[in-house]
Amino acid sequence: MRKLFILLVLFPLSVNAAELDLQQAIKLALKRNPSYKAVRYVYLSAKEREKEAWSQRLFSLSFRYSYTRLNEEPRIKLSPVEVPPLVPGMKPITVKPGDVVVSRQNVYEYKFVFFQPLFTGGALSTAYEMAKLGVNVEKLREEEARLDLIFKVKEAYFGVLKAKRLKEVAEKAVESLKSHYKDAKNFYEKGITPKVDLLRAEVALSKAKQALVDADAVYKTAMSALMVLIGERIDAFYTLKDVLEYEPFGLSFDECLKRAYSRRPVVLAVEKQAEIYRKAVRLAKADYYPKIYLMAEYKKQGDTPDCTGDGLKDAEQWSITGVLDWKFFEWGKTVHRVRKADYQYLKALEVEKGVKDKVSLEIREAYLKLLSAKSKIAVARKEVAEARENLKNTRERYRQQIDTTTDVVDAQTFFTEAQVRYFTALYDYLVAYARLKRAMGEEN
C-alpha cells in the first residue's frame, strides 16, 4: 500500500517533468486551444451553409396532413324552380329542391406538394456562389488563426527559454557572490579588510538573491502562459528543449512583402470577401426580374382518417401549376437595395486596401526588429566573453588585495548584464524571426 501511495504521488510529477520541444507544443496547441477550435467550427458551419445554398436550387417535396371539424355540414340553398304548364289551362308547378350538402362536418385531408424554381433572375445561383466564396473566406480565416496560434506558441516557448536562461544567470550570480562573500568574511576576520567591505559584499549578495526570486517568478509565469496555450493545467511544468542556434535570414524587405501579399491568408480572405460583396450587387439586381416556379400537388380527402372519400365528391385530386411572380413596383425598394450593395462593395475594397497596408506595416516592423536583434547577438556574445574574463581577473586581484569589493561587485554586475543582453538578443531574434514568418503567411 505504501509503494502504491508513493507511485501515485510521483506519477504526476514524472508526467509534468516530461521534455517538450517546440513542434510538440505547437501540435498540442492546435489540438486543444479553444479559440482556434472555435474558428474551425465557423469554417465547418460555412461548408454546411454552402450545401444549403446548393439545395435551394433543387426541387422540394412536402407532405401535409390536416383535420378540420366544422360546426355543421356545409349546405347550398337552392332557389325554388317554377316549371311552366305542360298543357293550356294548367297552373305552373313550383319545385322546391331544398338544401344540398357539399361537405361533411369532419374533414380529413393529406397532400403532397412538388415545388421547383425555374427562373429567379440569378438569385439562387448567385447565392450559391457567394456561399462557396464564404467557405474559402472562412478557410483562410482559419489558416490565419492557425498562424496566430503558432506564433503565440513560439513566442511563449522562447519566452520560457529566455526566462529560464535569465534565471540561470541569476543563480550563477548568487553562487559567485556567495563565494566572494566568503572571501570578504575571511579577510575581515583576519583583519585584512574593514567591515564596510564585508557589508558591501553582503548587500550585493542580498540583491542577487532578490533578483533570483524575481527571475524565478518570471520563469514560472512564462511557463504558465505556455501551458494555457497548449491546453495544460496552469501549474503544469515541462522541461523545454532549448534552441541556442538561430537561422540566418537572407530575404530583402520587398521579397518579404511580395510573399505576404501572395500567401498571407488575411490578404487572400479580404480579396475573397470583396468578391462576395461584388456578387451581392448582382443578387440585389435579381429582384428586377420575374420569378417563375413550377408546382404540382396531389391530395386526398375524406370524412375518416384514412381519407377515402365522404360520398359527396372524389377523394383524389391532382394539379400542375406554373407561376410567374413579378413585383415591378415597390417604391424604389430594389433600387435602394442595389445601391446599398454597391456601397458595401466599395467599402470591402477599402477594407482590402487597409488590410494590405496593415500587413506591410507588420512586415516592416518585424523585418527591422529581426535586423536589430541579429546585430545585437554578435556584440553581446563578445561582451559576455570579455565580462567573464574581467570577472575572473577581478576576483583574482581581490584575493591579492589589489582590487576592492566594489570592483568585484561591479565586475559581477557587468558580467550578469552582459549575459542578460546576450540571451535577450538571442531569443528576441528567434521571436522576431517567427513574427516575420507569420507576417508573410508561413508557419516555419
Protein backbone atom coordinates (compact mmCIF):
# COMPACT_ATOMS: atom_id res chain seq x y z
CA MET A 1 0.00 0.00 0.00
CA ARG A 2 2.86 2.34 0.84
CA LYS A 3 4.52 1.67 -2.53
CA LEU A 4 1.23 2.41 -4.31
CA PHE A 5 0.94 5.73 -2.46
CA ILE A 6 4.46 6.71 -3.50
CA LEU A 7 3.69 5.88 -7.14
CA LEU A 8 0.50 7.94 -7.08
CA VAL A 9 2.38 10.89 -5.62
CA LEU A 10 5.32 10.69 -8.01
CA PHE A 11 3.39 9.83 -11.18
CA PRO A 12 2.02 13.34 -11.94
CA LEU A 13 5.43 14.80 -11.24
CA SER A 14 7.01 12.49 -13.76
CA VAL A 15 4.37 13.45 -16.34
CA ASN A 16 4.72 17.18 -15.75
CA ALA A 17 8.52 16.96 -15.84
CA ALA A 18 8.49 15.41 -19.33
CA GLU A 19 10.52 17.05 -22.06
CA LEU A 20 8.70 19.13 -24.64
CA ASP A 21 10.06 20.55 -27.88
CA LEU A 22 8.66 23.37 -29.98
CA GLN A 23 6.90 21.22 -32.58
CA GLN A 24 5.20 19.15 -29.89
CA ALA A 25 4.00 22.33 -28.20
CA ILE A 26 2.55 23.60 -31.49
CA LYS A 27 0.74 20.30 -32.13
CA LEU A 28 -0.79 20.33 -28.65
CA ALA A 29 -1.97 23.93 -29.06
CA LEU A 30 -3.57 23.24 -32.46
CA LYS A 31 -5.34 20.23 -30.99
CA ARG A 32 -6.53 21.76 -27.72
CA ASN A 33 -6.66 25.55 -27.94
CA PRO A 34 -10.35 26.62 -27.61
CA SER A 35 -10.02 29.85 -29.61
CA TYR A 36 -8.59 28.01 -32.61
CA LYS A 37 -11.19 25.24 -32.32
CA ALA A 38 -13.94 27.89 -32.33
CA VAL A 39 -12.61 29.31 -35.61
CA ARG A 40 -12.55 25.78 -37.01
CA TYR A 41 -16.23 25.35 -36.21
CA VAL A 42 -17.03 28.60 -38.04
CA TYR A 43 -15.36 27.13 -41.14
CA LEU A 44 -17.33 23.89 -40.84
CA SER A 45 -20.52 25.92 -40.45
CA ALA A 46 -19.71 27.80 -43.68
CA LYS A 47 -19.34 24.48 -45.52
CA GLU A 48 -22.82 23.46 -44.42
CA ARG A 49 -24.15 26.86 -45.49
CA GLU A 50 -22.70 26.23 -48.96
CA LYS A 51 -24.52 22.89 -49.19
CA GLU A 52 -27.71 24.58 -48.03
CA ALA A 53 -27.41 27.21 -50.78
CA TRP A 54 -26.89 24.46 -53.36
CA SER A 55 -30.02 22.62 -52.20
CA GLN A 56 -32.14 25.77 -52.73
CA ARG A 57 -31.67 25.33 -56.49
CA LEU A 58 -33.25 21.87 -56.49
CA PHE A 59 -36.89 20.81 -56.23
CA SER A 60 -38.59 20.26 -52.90
CA LEU A 61 -41.25 17.82 -51.75
CA SER A 62 -43.56 18.41 -48.82
CA PHE A 63 -46.35 16.49 -47.09
CA ARG A 64 -49.23 17.87 -45.07
CA TYR A 65 -51.98 16.12 -43.12
CA SER A 66 -54.88 18.05 -41.58
CA TYR A 67 -58.16 17.55 -39.76
CA THR A 68 -60.97 20.11 -39.67
CA ARG A 69 -64.16 19.98 -37.59
CA LEU A 70 -66.98 22.19 -38.90
CA ASN A 71 -69.81 23.44 -36.72
CA GLU A 72 -72.28 21.88 -39.18
CA GLU A 73 -72.35 20.29 -42.58
CA PRO A 74 -71.95 22.97 -45.28
CA ARG A 75 -75.02 23.21 -47.49
CA ILE A 76 -76.04 25.07 -50.63
CA LYS A 77 -79.56 26.53 -50.54
CA LEU A 78 -81.21 26.14 -53.95
CA SER A 79 -83.90 28.59 -55.01
CA PRO A 80 -87.35 27.23 -55.98
CA VAL A 81 -87.73 26.44 -59.66
CA GLU A 82 -91.05 27.16 -61.47
CA VAL A 83 -91.94 24.66 -64.18
CA PRO A 84 -94.19 26.14 -66.91
CA PRO A 85 -97.55 24.40 -67.57
CA LEU A 86 -97.36 21.48 -69.88
CA VAL A 87 -100.88 21.99 -71.35
CA PRO A 88 -103.09 25.08 -71.71
CA GLY A 89 -105.08 25.93 -68.65
CA MET A 90 -102.70 24.13 -66.34
CA LYS A 91 -101.08 26.09 -63.50
CA PRO A 92 -97.25 26.35 -63.29
CA ILE A 93 -95.58 23.87 -60.99
CA THR A 94 -93.12 25.19 -58.35
CA VAL A 95 -90.31 22.78 -57.42
CA LYS A 96 -88.51 23.31 -54.11
CA PRO A 97 -85.29 21.25 -54.26
CA GLY A 98 -84.22 22.21 -50.74
CA ASP A 99 -80.59 22.29 -49.44
CA VAL A 100 -77.69 20.31 -50.91
CA VAL A 101 -74.95 19.02 -48.58
CA VAL A 102 -71.49 19.77 -50.06
CA SER A 103 -69.22 18.54 -47.24
CA ARG A 104 -69.19 16.60 -44.01
CA GLN A 105 -68.54 18.02 -40.55
CA ASN A 106 -65.32 16.01 -40.22
CA VAL A 107 -62.81 16.77 -42.96
CA TYR A 108 -59.54 14.83 -43.17
CA GLU A 109 -57.00 15.69 -45.83
CA TYR A 110 -53.43 14.94 -46.81
CA LYS A 111 -51.44 16.22 -49.74
CA PHE A 112 -48.02 16.05 -51.39
CA VAL A 113 -46.57 19.21 -52.95
CA PHE A 114 -43.76 19.38 -55.50
CA PHE A 115 -42.00 22.77 -55.94
CA GLN A 116 -39.28 23.63 -58.47
CA PRO A 117 -37.89 27.14 -59.09
CA LEU A 118 -37.31 27.60 -62.83
CA PHE A 119 -36.06 31.18 -63.03
CA THR A 120 -35.15 33.57 -60.18
CA GLY A 121 -33.17 36.22 -62.01
CA GLY A 122 -29.92 34.54 -60.98
CA ALA A 123 -30.71 34.86 -57.26
CA LEU A 124 -30.24 31.20 -56.37
CA SER A 125 -27.08 30.66 -58.44
CA THR A 126 -25.55 33.88 -57.11
CA ALA A 127 -26.40 32.95 -53.52
CA TYR A 128 -24.63 29.62 -54.04
CA GLU A 129 -21.54 31.31 -55.50
CA MET A 130 -21.47 33.67 -52.51
CA ALA A 131 -21.76 30.76 -50.08
CA LYS A 132 -18.95 28.95 -51.89
CA LEU A 133 -16.73 32.03 -51.60
CA GLY A 134 -17.75 32.26 -47.96
CA VAL A 135 -16.27 28.80 -47.37
CA ASN A 136 -12.99 29.99 -48.90
CA VAL A 137 -13.02 33.07 -46.68
CA GLU A 138 -13.59 31.07 -43.50
CA LYS A 139 -10.92 28.57 -44.51
CA LEU A 140 -8.44 31.42 -44.95
CA ARG A 141 -9.50 32.89 -41.60
CA GLU A 142 -8.87 29.50 -40.03
CA GLU A 143 -5.40 29.48 -41.59
CA GLU A 144 -4.81 33.00 -40.26
CA ALA A 145 -5.89 31.87 -36.79
CA ARG A 146 -3.57 28.88 -37.15
CA LEU A 147 -0.65 31.20 -37.95
CA ASP A 148 -1.56 33.41 -34.99
CA LEU A 149 -1.65 30.46 -32.61
CA ILE A 150 1.62 29.01 -33.91
CA PHE A 151 3.32 32.37 -33.45
CA LYS A 152 1.90 32.76 -29.95
CA VAL A 153 3.21 29.31 -29.02
CA LYS A 154 6.64 30.15 -30.43
CA GLU A 155 6.66 33.49 -28.62
CA ALA A 156 5.63 31.85 -25.34
CA TYR A 157 8.08 28.97 -25.86
CA PHE A 158 11.01 31.31 -26.48
CA GLY A 159 9.79 33.42 -23.57
CA VAL A 160 10.12 30.41 -21.27
CA LEU A 161 13.59 29.60 -22.61
CA LYS A 162 14.66 33.21 -22.16
CA ALA A 163 13.26 33.35 -18.61
CA LYS A 164 14.98 30.07 -17.79
CA ARG A 165 18.33 31.36 -19.07
CA LEU A 166 17.97 34.58 -17.13
CA LYS A 167 17.10 32.58 -14.02
CA GLU A 168 20.27 30.52 -14.52
CA VAL A 169 22.25 33.73 -14.88
CA ALA A 170 20.77 34.95 -11.60
CA GLU A 171 21.61 31.64 -9.92
CA LYS A 172 25.22 31.82 -11.08
CA ALA A 173 25.41 35.42 -9.89
CA VAL A 174 24.24 34.32 -6.44
CA GLU A 175 26.79 31.49 -6.37
CA SER A 176 29.57 33.85 -7.45
CA LEU A 177 28.67 36.48 -4.85
CA LYS A 178 28.38 33.81 -2.18
CA SER A 179 31.95 32.79 -2.94
CA HIS A 180 33.03 36.42 -2.84
CA TYR A 181 31.20 36.94 0.45
CA LYS A 182 33.17 34.06 1.98
CA ASP A 183 36.41 35.63 0.79
CA ALA A 184 35.37 39.03 2.18
CA LYS A 185 34.35 37.49 5.50
CA ASN A 186 37.64 35.62 5.73
CA PHE A 187 39.64 38.81 5.05
CA TYR A 188 37.56 40.73 7.60
CA GLU A 189 38.01 38.10 10.32
CA LYS A 190 41.76 38.18 9.70
CA GLY A 191 41.71 41.99 9.97
CA ILE A 192 42.87 42.49 6.40
CA THR A 193 39.79 44.45 5.21
CA PRO A 194 37.37 46.79 7.05
CA LYS A 195 33.82 45.80 7.97
CA VAL A 196 32.37 48.08 5.32
CA ASP A 197 33.96 45.84 2.72
CA LEU A 198 32.10 42.84 4.18
CA LEU A 199 28.84 44.79 4.34
CA ARG A 200 29.12 45.70 0.65
CA ALA A 201 29.58 42.03 -0.24
CA GLU A 202 26.59 41.11 1.92
CA VAL A 203 24.35 43.76 0.33
CA ALA A 204 25.41 42.67 -3.15
CA LEU A 205 24.57 39.05 -2.26
CA SER A 206 21.14 40.05 -0.89
CA LYS A 207 20.33 41.96 -4.08
CA ALA A 208 21.41 38.99 -6.17
CA LYS A 209 19.14 36.67 -4.14
CA GLN A 210 16.19 39.02 -4.65
CA ALA A 211 16.95 39.17 -8.37
CA LEU A 212 16.88 35.37 -8.39
CA VAL A 213 13.46 35.35 -6.72
CA ASP A 214 12.17 37.79 -9.33
CA ALA A 215 13.69 35.75 -12.18
CA ASP A 216 12.10 32.59 -10.83
CA ALA A 217 8.69 34.30 -10.73
CA VAL A 218 9.10 35.46 -14.34
CA TYR A 219 10.10 31.94 -15.37
CA LYS A 220 7.08 30.34 -13.71
CA THR A 221 4.73 32.96 -15.17
CA ALA A 222 6.14 32.38 -18.66
CA MET A 223 5.72 28.62 -18.22
CA SER A 224 2.10 29.10 -17.13
CA ALA A 225 1.39 31.23 -20.20
CA LEU A 226 2.72 28.46 -22.42
CA MET A 227 0.72 25.82 -20.57
CA VAL A 228 -2.51 27.77 -21.15
CA LEU A 229 -1.78 27.95 -24.88
CA ILE A 230 -1.19 24.20 -25.23
CA GLY A 231 -4.19 23.26 -23.10
CA GLU A 232 -2.35 22.04 -20.00
CA ARG A 233 -3.02 22.90 -16.36
CA ILE A 234 -1.73 26.33 -15.48
CA ASP A 235 0.57 24.85 -12.82
CA ALA A 236 1.94 22.11 -15.10
CA PHE A 237 5.67 22.01 -15.77
CA TYR A 238 7.72 20.76 -18.70
CA THR A 239 11.42 20.66 -19.41
CA LEU A 240 11.67 22.52 -22.71
CA LYS A 241 14.20 21.58 -25.36
CA ASP A 242 16.41 24.63 -25.79
CA VAL A 243 17.13 26.44 -29.06
CA LEU A 244 20.55 28.07 -28.99
CA GLU A 245 21.14 28.25 -32.73
CA TYR A 246 19.44 30.76 -34.97
CA GLU A 247 18.74 30.58 -38.66
CA PRO A 248 20.09 33.48 -40.72
CA PHE A 249 17.54 35.34 -42.82
CA GLY A 250 18.53 36.44 -46.30
CA LEU A 251 15.36 37.89 -47.87
CA SER A 252 15.01 41.58 -48.62
CA PHE A 253 12.08 43.64 -47.38
CA ASP A 254 10.49 43.75 -50.86
CA GLU A 255 10.74 39.98 -51.16
CA CYS A 256 9.07 39.55 -47.76
CA LEU A 257 6.29 41.93 -48.76
CA LYS A 258 5.73 40.13 -52.06
CA ARG A 259 5.42 36.81 -50.24
CA ALA A 260 2.97 38.28 -47.76
CA TYR A 261 0.68 39.63 -50.50
CA SER A 262 0.63 36.26 -52.26
CA ARG A 263 0.48 33.93 -49.22
CA ARG A 264 -0.92 35.72 -46.19
CA PRO A 265 -4.39 34.25 -45.51
CA VAL A 266 -5.85 37.52 -44.25
CA VAL A 267 -4.91 39.26 -47.52
CA LEU A 268 -6.44 36.50 -49.61
CA ALA A 269 -9.51 36.48 -47.35
CA VAL A 270 -10.30 40.18 -47.83
CA GLU A 271 -9.91 39.74 -51.59
CA LYS A 272 -12.46 36.90 -51.48
CA GLN A 273 -14.69 38.98 -49.21
CA ALA A 274 -14.68 41.82 -51.72
CA GLU A 275 -15.70 39.32 -54.41
CA ILE A 276 -18.63 38.23 -52.22
CA TYR A 277 -19.85 41.82 -51.96
CA ARG A 278 -19.48 42.22 -55.73
CA LYS A 279 -21.77 39.24 -56.21
CA ALA A 280 -24.14 40.69 -53.61
CA VAL A 281 -24.77 43.54 -56.05
CA ARG A 282 -25.84 41.01 -58.67
CA LEU A 283 -28.02 39.26 -56.09
CA ALA A 284 -29.80 42.51 -55.30
CA LYS A 285 -30.42 43.14 -59.01
CA ALA A 286 -32.18 39.78 -59.28
CA ASP A 287 -35.32 41.42 -57.88
CA TYR A 288 -35.66 43.37 -61.12
CA TYR A 289 -36.68 40.15 -62.87
CA PRO A 290 -39.78 37.97 -62.51
CA LYS A 291 -39.68 34.64 -60.74
CA ILE A 292 -41.01 31.51 -62.42
CA TYR A 293 -41.91 28.39 -60.48
CA LEU A 294 -43.45 25.01 -61.22
CA MET A 295 -45.76 23.40 -58.66
CA ALA A 296 -47.55 20.05 -58.61
CA GLU A 297 -49.99 18.84 -55.97
CA TYR A 298 -51.67 15.55 -55.14
CA LYS A 299 -54.27 15.43 -52.35
CA LYS A 300 -56.82 13.10 -50.90
CA GLN A 301 -59.84 13.91 -48.68
CA GLY A 302 -62.50 12.15 -46.67
CA ASP A 303 -64.59 12.18 -43.54
CA THR A 304 -62.46 9.47 -41.95
CA PRO A 305 -58.76 9.49 -41.00
CA ASP A 306 -57.84 7.27 -43.96
CA CYS A 307 -59.14 9.95 -46.40
CA THR A 308 -61.08 7.50 -48.57
CA GLY A 309 -63.82 9.99 -49.51
CA ASP A 310 -67.03 11.35 -48.00
CA GLY A 311 -69.61 10.16 -50.55
CA LEU A 312 -70.08 13.69 -51.88
CA LYS A 313 -67.08 14.24 -54.14
CA ASP A 314 -64.00 12.46 -55.46
CA ALA A 315 -61.48 11.56 -52.81
CA GLU A 316 -58.41 12.20 -55.02
CA GLN A 317 -57.26 15.33 -56.84
CA TRP A 318 -54.05 16.38 -58.53
CA SER A 319 -52.90 19.54 -60.27
CA ILE A 320 -49.90 21.12 -62.01
CA THR A 321 -49.40 24.88 -61.78
CA GLY A 322 -46.97 27.28 -63.41
CA VAL A 323 -46.40 30.52 -61.51
CA LEU A 324 -44.96 33.81 -62.72
CA ASP A 325 -44.36 36.24 -59.86
CA TRP A 326 -43.14 39.73 -60.74
CA LYS A 327 -43.05 42.65 -58.33
CA PHE A 328 -42.43 45.51 -60.75
CA PHE A 329 -43.30 48.40 -58.44
CA GLU A 330 -42.26 48.70 -54.78
CA TRP A 331 -41.49 52.43 -54.47
CA GLY A 332 -37.81 52.02 -55.36
CA LYS A 333 -37.14 49.26 -52.81
CA THR A 334 -34.96 47.23 -55.20
CA VAL A 335 -33.10 50.32 -56.42
CA HIS A 336 -32.12 51.24 -52.87
CA ARG A 337 -31.12 47.64 -52.14
CA VAL A 338 -28.82 47.63 -55.17
CA ARG A 339 -27.26 50.95 -54.16
CA LYS A 340 -26.69 49.65 -50.64
CA ALA A 341 -24.94 46.60 -52.09
CA ASP A 342 -22.78 48.89 -54.27
CA TYR A 343 -21.66 50.86 -51.23
CA GLN A 344 -20.89 47.67 -49.31
CA TYR A 345 -18.73 46.50 -52.22
CA LEU A 346 -16.84 49.81 -52.26
CA LYS A 347 -16.36 49.50 -48.51
CA ALA A 348 -14.95 45.99 -48.98
CA LEU A 349 -12.41 47.35 -51.48
CA GLU A 350 -11.28 49.96 -48.96
CA VAL A 351 -11.03 47.31 -46.24
CA GLU A 352 -8.86 45.26 -48.59
CA LYS A 353 -6.52 48.22 -49.06
CA GLY A 354 -6.40 48.80 -45.31
CA VAL A 355 -5.54 45.18 -44.58
CA LYS A 356 -2.71 45.24 -47.12
CA ASP A 357 -1.35 48.44 -45.55
CA LYS A 358 -1.51 46.81 -42.11
CA VAL A 359 0.29 43.71 -43.36
CA SER A 360 3.03 45.80 -44.99
CA LEU A 361 3.49 47.63 -41.66
CA GLU A 362 3.72 44.30 -39.82
CA ILE A 363 6.35 43.11 -42.30
CA ARG A 364 8.31 46.35 -41.92
CA GLU A 365 8.24 46.23 -38.12
CA ALA A 366 9.16 42.53 -37.92
CA TYR A 367 11.92 42.93 -40.52
CA LEU A 368 13.56 45.82 -38.66
CA LYS A 369 13.30 44.04 -35.31
CA LEU A 370 14.94 40.99 -36.86
CA LEU A 371 17.86 43.04 -38.19
CA SER A 372 18.23 44.81 -34.85
CA ALA A 373 18.25 41.57 -32.86
CA LYS A 374 20.68 39.96 -35.28
CA SER A 375 23.18 42.81 -34.93
CA LYS A 376 22.97 42.60 -31.13
CA ILE A 377 23.79 38.88 -30.91
CA ALA A 378 27.40 39.07 -32.11
CA VAL A 379 28.11 42.16 -29.99
CA ALA A 380 26.53 40.60 -26.90
CA ARG A 381 28.43 37.33 -27.36
CA LYS A 382 31.74 39.20 -27.47
CA GLU A 383 30.69 41.28 -24.49
CA VAL A 384 29.94 38.14 -22.45
CA ALA A 385 33.41 36.72 -23.16
CA GLU A 386 35.08 39.98 -22.12
CA ALA A 387 32.94 40.31 -18.99
CA ARG A 388 33.67 36.72 -17.96
CA GLU A 389 37.42 37.28 -18.30
CA ASN A 390 37.16 40.59 -16.47
CA LEU A 391 35.29 38.99 -13.54
CA LYS A 392 37.84 36.20 -13.31
CA ASN A 393 40.75 38.67 -13.21
CA THR A 394 38.99 40.98 -10.75
CA ARG A 395 38.27 38.11 -8.37
CA GLU A 396 41.91 37.07 -8.53
CA ARG A 397 43.14 40.63 -7.92
CA TYR A 398 40.75 40.89 -4.96
CA ARG A 399 42.24 37.79 -3.41
CA GLN A 400 45.61 39.52 -3.79
CA GLN A 401 44.06 42.66 -2.25
CA ILE A 402 44.73 44.73 -5.35
CA ASP A 403 41.03 45.37 -6.11
CA THR A 404 38.18 46.06 -3.69
CA THR A 405 34.79 44.52 -3.08
CA THR A 406 33.25 47.31 -5.13
CA ASP A 407 35.38 46.27 -8.08
CA VAL A 408 34.26 42.64 -7.73
CA VAL A 409 30.57 43.62 -7.43
CA ASP A 410 30.87 45.89 -10.45
CA ALA A 411 32.57 43.15 -12.45
CA GLN A 412 29.88 40.66 -11.44
CA THR A 413 27.14 43.13 -12.38
CA PHE A 414 28.80 43.76 -15.75
CA PHE A 415 29.04 40.02 -16.41
CA THR A 416 25.43 39.38 -15.37
CA GLU A 417 24.12 42.23 -17.52
CA ALA A 418 26.21 41.04 -20.47
CA GLN A 419 24.68 37.57 -20.19
CA VAL A 420 21.19 39.08 -19.92
CA ARG A 421 21.79 41.15 -23.04
CA TYR A 422 23.09 38.13 -24.95
CA PHE A 423 20.20 35.81 -24.12
CA THR A 424 17.72 38.64 -24.64
CA ALA A 425 19.17 39.34 -28.10
CA LEU A 426 19.18 35.63 -28.99
CA TYR A 427 15.58 34.91 -28.05
CA ASP A 428 14.40 38.29 -29.33
CA TYR A 429 15.87 37.28 -32.69
CA LEU A 430 14.02 33.96 -32.61
CA VAL A 431 10.76 35.75 -31.77
CA ALA A 432 11.38 38.37 -34.47
CA TYR A 433 12.12 35.61 -36.99
CA ALA A 434 8.88 33.82 -36.06
CA ARG A 435 6.95 37.10 -36.24
CA LEU A 436 8.29 37.86 -39.72
CA LYS A 437 7.47 34.35 -40.92
CA ARG A 438 3.97 34.69 -39.52
CA ALA A 439 3.55 38.11 -41.18
CA MET A 440 4.49 36.52 -44.51
CA GLY A 441 1.92 33.75 -44.03
CA GLU A 442 4.44 30.96 -43.37
CA GLU A 443 4.32 28.54 -40.45
CA ASN A 444 8.01 27.63 -40.21
